[in-house]
Amino acid sequence: MTSVLRPAEALVRAVEILAAQGFAVVARNTRGDSVYLKPEACAFALRVSNHARTPKQRKNHPDAITSLVLRDPTSEAALTEAVAVAVRNFAGERAKRERVLGVRAIDRTYP
């Protein structure tokens, strides 16, 4: 039988999986339910959380271009797939923004 991860456990596990893929934690909110990770030498972040981004989070972290939201209990296999999808989405969005921004700094107009 496959064990089920509660959302808080899934968040911790997702951060571990991302760290193993070269992402580093660059910020957390005070409650610990939102974690921002960046690959080395990257201006953009991938957000892992148990809720959608708030306007305050959008303002404070305009560099977060992809979010992995973990609201419900999940299996390890489903979590691994969700992380893989988030990494693919992050890579695609990063490539798109880097084409647009070139070598410039982060686009602070990101909603």
Foldseek 3Di string as FASTA:
>chain_A
DFDKDFLVRLLVVLVVVVVVVQWDWDDADPVRQKTWTDHPPAQATEIEGQDDDDPVNCQVHVRHPHYQHRNGIDTPVVSVVSSVVRVVSVVVVSVVVCVVQPPHHDDSVRD
